[in-house]
Amino acid sequence: MKMIRAIIKPEKVEEVVNALEKEGVISLTKLDVFGRGRQKGIQVGSSIYDELPKVMLMIVLEDAKAEKVVDVIEDNARTGNIGDGKIFVSAVDEAYTIRTGEKGL
C-alpha cells in the first residue's frame, strides 16, 4: 500500500477531488494546513507572508494505483505558478479498520 500526501492550493481542491472521484478514489482525508516551500512565502509591498494557506489531501491505496493518482493530482492542481504544492508518496505497512479490527484497505 502507498500513502499519498498532496499539499495543494485551496482553490484547486474541488477540481482535484472531483478528478480523483472520476478515477475511483472515494476515500481521502482533507486537512487545512499552513506552510511554505522553497520560496519562503510571498512578499506584497513591505509585507511578508511566510506561511500560506494550503490543503493537504491524504490518500491510502494499492501500489498499482499510486502513479495514476499522482498524475491526476498533478494535472488538476497545477497552475504553473510558484506555490502549486508538493506530493509525497510513502509506503504503508499495515492498515486497520477501528470498528471491525479488519486488516488491510
N, C-alpha and C. Protein backbone atom coordinates (compact mmCIF):
# COMPACT_ATOMS: atom_id res chain seq x y z
N MET A 1 0.84 -1.18 0.00
CA MET A 1 0.00 0.00 0.00
C MET A 1 0.88 1.24 0.00
N LYS A 2 0.35 2.31 -0.53
CA LYS A 2 1.03 3.60 -0.57
C LYS A 2 0.16 4.67 0.07
N MET A 3 0.81 5.64 0.71
CA MET A 3 0.11 6.83 1.17
C MET A 3 0.60 7.99 0.32
N ILE A 4 -0.36 8.71 -0.23
CA ILE A 4 -0.05 9.91 -0.99
C ILE A 4 -0.51 11.10 -0.16
N ARG A 5 0.42 12.02 0.06
CA ARG A 5 0.10 13.28 0.73
C ARG A 5 0.34 14.37 -0.29
N ALA A 6 -0.71 15.07 -0.65
CA ALA A 6 -0.61 16.14 -1.64
C ALA A 6 -0.95 17.46 -0.95
N ILE A 7 -0.03 18.40 -1.02
CA ILE A 7 -0.25 19.73 -0.45
C ILE A 7 -0.48 20.66 -1.62
N ILE A 8 -1.70 21.20 -1.69
CA ILE A 8 -2.11 21.97 -2.87
C ILE A 8 -2.75 23.29 -2.45
N LYS A 9 -2.93 24.16 -3.45
CA LYS A 9 -3.59 25.44 -3.21
C LYS A 9 -5.07 25.20 -2.90
N PRO A 10 -5.63 25.94 -1.94
CA PRO A 10 -7.04 25.74 -1.57
C PRO A 10 -8.01 25.88 -2.74
N GLU A 11 -7.71 26.77 -3.67
CA GLU A 11 -8.64 26.99 -4.78
C GLU A 11 -8.66 25.85 -5.79
N LYS A 12 -7.74 24.89 -5.66
CA LYS A 12 -7.68 23.75 -6.57
C LYS A 12 -8.28 22.48 -5.97
N VAL A 13 -8.69 22.53 -4.70
CA VAL A 13 -9.15 21.32 -4.01
C VAL A 13 -10.35 20.68 -4.69
N GLU A 14 -11.37 21.45 -4.98
CA GLU A 14 -12.58 20.87 -5.57
C GLU A 14 -12.28 20.20 -6.91
N GLU A 15 -11.47 20.85 -7.72
CA GLU A 15 -11.09 20.30 -9.02
C GLU A 15 -10.33 18.97 -8.86
N VAL A 16 -9.39 18.95 -7.93
CA VAL A 16 -8.59 17.74 -7.70
C VAL A 16 -9.47 16.61 -7.16
N VAL A 17 -10.29 16.91 -6.17
CA VAL A 17 -11.15 15.87 -5.56
C VAL A 17 -12.12 15.31 -6.60
N ASN A 18 -12.70 16.17 -7.41
CA ASN A 18 -13.61 15.68 -8.46
C ASN A 18 -12.90 14.78 -9.45
N ALA A 19 -11.68 15.14 -9.82
CA ALA A 19 -10.90 14.31 -10.75
C ALA A 19 -10.54 12.97 -10.10
N LEU A 20 -10.21 12.99 -8.82
CA LEU A 20 -9.90 11.74 -8.12
C LEU A 20 -11.11 10.82 -8.05
N GLU A 21 -12.28 11.40 -7.81
CA GLU A 21 -13.51 10.60 -7.78
C GLU A 21 -13.75 9.91 -9.12
N LYS A 22 -13.47 10.60 -10.22
CA LYS A 22 -13.63 10.02 -11.55
C LYS A 22 -12.67 8.85 -11.76
N GLU A 23 -11.54 8.87 -11.05
CA GLU A 23 -10.56 7.78 -11.14
C GLU A 23 -10.84 6.67 -10.14
N GLY A 24 -11.93 6.81 -9.38
CA GLY A 24 -12.31 5.76 -8.44
C GLY A 24 -11.78 5.93 -7.03
N VAL A 25 -11.15 7.07 -6.75
CA VAL A 25 -10.68 7.34 -5.38
C VAL A 25 -11.86 7.91 -4.60
N ILE A 26 -12.39 7.12 -3.66
CA ILE A 26 -13.55 7.58 -2.92
C ILE A 26 -13.23 7.92 -1.47
N SER A 27 -12.08 7.46 -0.98
CA SER A 27 -11.70 7.73 0.40
C SER A 27 -10.46 8.60 0.44
N LEU A 28 -10.57 9.71 1.14
CA LEU A 28 -9.42 10.57 1.35
C LEU A 28 -9.65 11.40 2.60
N THR A 29 -8.58 11.96 3.10
CA THR A 29 -8.65 12.86 4.24
C THR A 29 -8.16 14.22 3.77
N LYS A 30 -8.87 15.27 4.17
CA LYS A 30 -8.54 16.62 3.74
C LYS A 30 -8.29 17.47 4.98
N LEU A 31 -7.13 18.13 5.01
CA LEU A 31 -6.75 18.97 6.15
C LEU A 31 -6.38 20.36 5.67
N ASP A 32 -6.86 21.39 6.36
CA ASP A 32 -6.40 22.74 6.10
C ASP A 32 -5.09 22.92 6.85
N VAL A 33 -4.05 23.35 6.13
CA VAL A 33 -2.72 23.50 6.71
C VAL A 33 -2.13 24.84 6.30
N PHE A 34 -1.04 25.22 6.94
CA PHE A 34 -0.28 26.41 6.57
C PHE A 34 1.16 26.00 6.41
N GLY A 35 1.86 26.63 5.49
CA GLY A 35 3.26 26.31 5.32
C GLY A 35 3.90 27.16 4.25
N ARG A 36 5.12 26.80 3.98
CA ARG A 36 5.87 27.49 2.93
C ARG A 36 6.84 26.51 2.31
N GLY A 37 7.22 26.78 1.10
CA GLY A 37 8.19 25.96 0.40
C GLY A 37 9.49 26.70 0.23
N ARG A 38 10.18 26.37 -0.82
CA ARG A 38 11.48 27.00 -1.10
C ARG A 38 11.38 28.51 -1.28
N GLN A 39 10.21 28.98 -1.73
CA GLN A 39 10.07 30.41 -1.97
C GLN A 39 9.96 31.20 -0.68
N LYS A 40 9.82 30.51 0.45
CA LYS A 40 9.76 31.14 1.79
C LYS A 40 8.62 32.15 1.90
N GLY A 41 7.47 31.81 1.33
CA GLY A 41 6.32 32.70 1.40
C GLY A 41 6.31 33.67 0.23
N ILE A 42 5.52 34.74 0.40
CA ILE A 42 5.45 35.76 -0.64
C ILE A 42 5.58 37.14 0.01
N GLN A 43 6.02 38.09 -0.79
CA GLN A 43 6.13 39.47 -0.32
C GLN A 43 5.21 40.33 -1.17
N VAL A 44 4.35 41.09 -0.48
CA VAL A 44 3.46 42.03 -1.13
C VAL A 44 3.78 43.40 -0.54
N GLY A 45 4.43 44.23 -1.34
CA GLY A 45 4.90 45.52 -0.82
C GLY A 45 5.92 45.27 0.28
N SER A 46 5.68 45.87 1.43
CA SER A 46 6.60 45.67 2.56
C SER A 46 6.18 44.52 3.47
N SER A 47 5.04 43.88 3.16
CA SER A 47 4.54 42.77 3.98
C SER A 47 5.05 41.44 3.45
N ILE A 48 5.51 40.60 4.38
CA ILE A 48 5.97 39.26 4.01
C ILE A 48 5.03 38.25 4.65
N TYR A 49 4.49 37.36 3.83
CA TYR A 49 3.61 36.29 4.30
C TYR A 49 4.41 35.00 4.17
N ASP A 50 4.93 34.53 5.31
CA ASP A 50 5.82 33.37 5.24
C ASP A 50 5.11 32.05 5.49
N GLU A 51 3.84 32.09 5.87
CA GLU A 51 3.05 30.87 5.99
C GLU A 51 1.77 31.07 5.20
N LEU A 52 1.61 30.27 4.17
CA LEU A 52 0.47 30.42 3.27
C LEU A 52 -0.53 29.29 3.48
N PRO A 53 -1.83 29.58 3.31
CA PRO A 53 -2.83 28.52 3.46
C PRO A 53 -2.72 27.51 2.32
N LYS A 54 -2.78 26.25 2.67
CA LYS A 54 -2.77 25.14 1.72
C LYS A 54 -3.76 24.09 2.22
N VAL A 55 -3.99 23.09 1.42
CA VAL A 55 -4.81 21.94 1.82
C VAL A 55 -3.98 20.70 1.58
N MET A 56 -3.98 19.80 2.57
CA MET A 56 -3.29 18.52 2.40
C MET A 56 -4.33 17.43 2.22
N LEU A 57 -4.19 16.71 1.12
CA LEU A 57 -5.02 15.53 0.87
C LEU A 57 -4.19 14.30 1.19
N MET A 58 -4.76 13.38 1.96
CA MET A 58 -4.08 12.12 2.28
C MET A 58 -4.92 10.98 1.73
N ILE A 59 -4.26 10.13 0.97
CA ILE A 59 -4.94 9.01 0.31
C ILE A 59 -4.09 7.77 0.50
N VAL A 60 -4.72 6.67 0.92
CA VAL A 60 -4.03 5.38 1.01
C VAL A 60 -4.68 4.44 0.00
N LEU A 61 -3.83 3.80 -0.82
CA LEU A 61 -4.37 2.94 -1.88
C LEU A 61 -3.37 1.86 -2.25
N GLU A 62 -3.80 0.99 -3.13
CA GLU A 62 -2.95 -0.09 -3.60
C GLU A 62 -1.78 0.48 -4.40
N ASP A 63 -0.64 -0.19 -4.32
CA ASP A 63 0.57 0.27 -5.01
C ASP A 63 0.33 0.55 -6.49
N ALA A 64 -0.42 -0.31 -7.15
CA ALA A 64 -0.61 -0.21 -8.60
C ALA A 64 -1.35 1.06 -9.02
N LYS A 65 -2.11 1.67 -8.11
CA LYS A 65 -2.89 2.86 -8.45
C LYS A 65 -2.15 4.16 -8.14
N ALA A 66 -1.05 4.09 -7.42
CA ALA A 66 -0.38 5.28 -6.92
C ALA A 66 0.08 6.22 -8.03
N GLU A 67 0.75 5.69 -9.05
CA GLU A 67 1.29 6.55 -10.10
C GLU A 67 0.18 7.30 -10.84
N LYS A 68 -0.92 6.62 -11.13
CA LYS A 68 -2.05 7.26 -11.81
C LYS A 68 -2.65 8.36 -10.96
N VAL A 69 -2.78 8.11 -9.67
CA VAL A 69 -3.35 9.11 -8.76
C VAL A 69 -2.43 10.33 -8.67
N VAL A 70 -1.14 10.12 -8.61
CA VAL A 70 -0.19 11.24 -8.61
C VAL A 70 -0.36 12.06 -9.88
N ASP A 71 -0.48 11.41 -11.01
CA ASP A 71 -0.67 12.11 -12.29
C ASP A 71 -1.95 12.95 -12.27
N VAL A 72 -3.03 12.39 -11.74
CA VAL A 72 -4.31 13.10 -11.67
C VAL A 72 -4.18 14.34 -10.79
N ILE A 73 -3.53 14.19 -9.65
CA ILE A 73 -3.34 15.33 -8.76
C ILE A 73 -2.50 16.40 -9.44
N GLU A 74 -1.38 16.01 -10.03
CA GLU A 74 -0.51 16.98 -10.71
C GLU A 74 -1.28 17.73 -11.80
N ASP A 75 -1.98 17.00 -12.63
CA ASP A 75 -2.68 17.60 -13.76
C ASP A 75 -3.76 18.60 -13.31
N ASN A 76 -4.41 18.31 -12.19
CA ASN A 76 -5.53 19.14 -11.76
C ASN A 76 -5.16 20.20 -10.74
N ALA A 77 -4.01 20.09 -10.10
CA ALA A 77 -3.58 21.08 -9.11
C ALA A 77 -2.63 22.12 -9.71
N ARG A 78 -2.08 21.83 -10.87
CA ARG A 78 -1.06 22.69 -11.46
C ARG A 78 -1.65 23.98 -12.01
N THR A 79 -1.07 25.11 -11.60
CA THR A 79 -1.41 26.41 -12.18
C THR A 79 -0.23 26.94 -12.99
N GLY A 80 0.95 26.39 -12.74
CA GLY A 80 2.15 26.87 -13.40
C GLY A 80 2.85 27.97 -12.63
N ASN A 81 2.31 28.31 -11.47
CA ASN A 81 2.88 29.37 -10.65
C ASN A 81 3.61 28.78 -9.44
N ILE A 82 4.51 29.57 -8.88
CA ILE A 82 5.19 29.17 -7.65
C ILE A 82 4.15 28.90 -6.58
N GLY A 83 4.37 27.85 -5.81
CA GLY A 83 3.47 27.53 -4.71
C GLY A 83 2.36 26.56 -5.07
N ASP A 84 2.46 25.91 -6.22
CA ASP A 84 1.43 24.93 -6.61
C ASP A 84 1.37 23.76 -5.64
N GLY A 85 2.46 23.44 -4.95
CA GLY A 85 2.42 22.40 -3.93
C GLY A 85 3.42 21.29 -4.15
N LYS A 86 3.25 20.24 -3.36
CA LYS A 86 4.13 19.06 -3.39
C LYS A 86 3.28 17.82 -3.20
N ILE A 87 3.81 16.71 -3.70
CA ILE A 87 3.19 15.41 -3.49
C ILE A 87 4.25 14.49 -2.91
N PHE A 88 3.89 13.83 -1.82
CA PHE A 88 4.79 12.88 -1.17
C PHE A 88 4.14 11.50 -1.22
N VAL A 89 4.93 10.49 -1.59
CA VAL A 89 4.44 9.11 -1.65
C VAL A 89 5.30 8.29 -0.71
N SER A 90 4.64 7.53 0.17
CA SER A 90 5.38 6.69 1.11
C SER A 90 4.67 5.34 1.25
N ALA A 91 5.43 4.38 1.73
CA ALA A 91 4.89 3.03 1.92
C ALA A 91 4.04 2.98 3.19
N VAL A 92 2.99 2.17 3.14
CA VAL A 92 2.16 1.90 4.31
C VAL A 92 2.27 0.41 4.57
N ASP A 93 2.78 0.05 5.73
CA ASP A 93 2.98 -1.37 6.06
C ASP A 93 1.67 -2.07 6.39
N GLU A 94 0.82 -1.41 7.14
CA GLU A 94 -0.43 -2.03 7.55
C GLU A 94 -1.50 -0.97 7.74
N ALA A 95 -2.75 -1.40 7.63
CA ALA A 95 -3.90 -0.54 7.91
C ALA A 95 -4.96 -1.38 8.61
N TYR A 96 -5.62 -0.79 9.58
CA TYR A 96 -6.66 -1.49 10.34
C TYR A 96 -7.91 -0.63 10.40
N THR A 97 -9.06 -1.27 10.27
CA THR A 97 -10.33 -0.58 10.45
C THR A 97 -10.66 -0.65 11.94
N ILE A 98 -10.83 0.50 12.55
CA ILE A 98 -11.03 0.55 14.00
C ILE A 98 -12.30 -0.19 14.42
N ARG A 99 -13.39 0.04 13.73
CA ARG A 99 -14.67 -0.57 14.13
C ARG A 99 -14.62 -2.09 14.14
N THR A 100 -14.02 -2.68 13.09
CA THR A 100 -14.06 -4.13 12.95
C THR A 100 -12.74 -4.82 13.29
N GLY A 101 -11.66 -4.06 13.32
CA GLY A 101 -10.35 -4.66 13.53
C GLY A 101 -9.78 -5.30 12.28
N GLU A 102 -10.52 -5.16 11.16
CA GLU A 102 -10.09 -5.76 9.90
C GLU A 102 -8.75 -5.15 9.46
N LYS A 103 -7.87 -5.99 8.94
CA LYS A 103 -6.57 -5.57 8.47
C LYS A 103 -6.62 -5.36 6.96
N GLY A 104 -5.97 -4.31 6.46
CA GLY A 104 -5.94 -4.02 5.04
C GLY A 104 -6.86 -2.89 4.69
N LEU A 105 -6.89 -2.56 3.40
CA LEU A 105 -7.76 -1.47 2.95
C LEU A 105 -9.19 -1.94 3.01
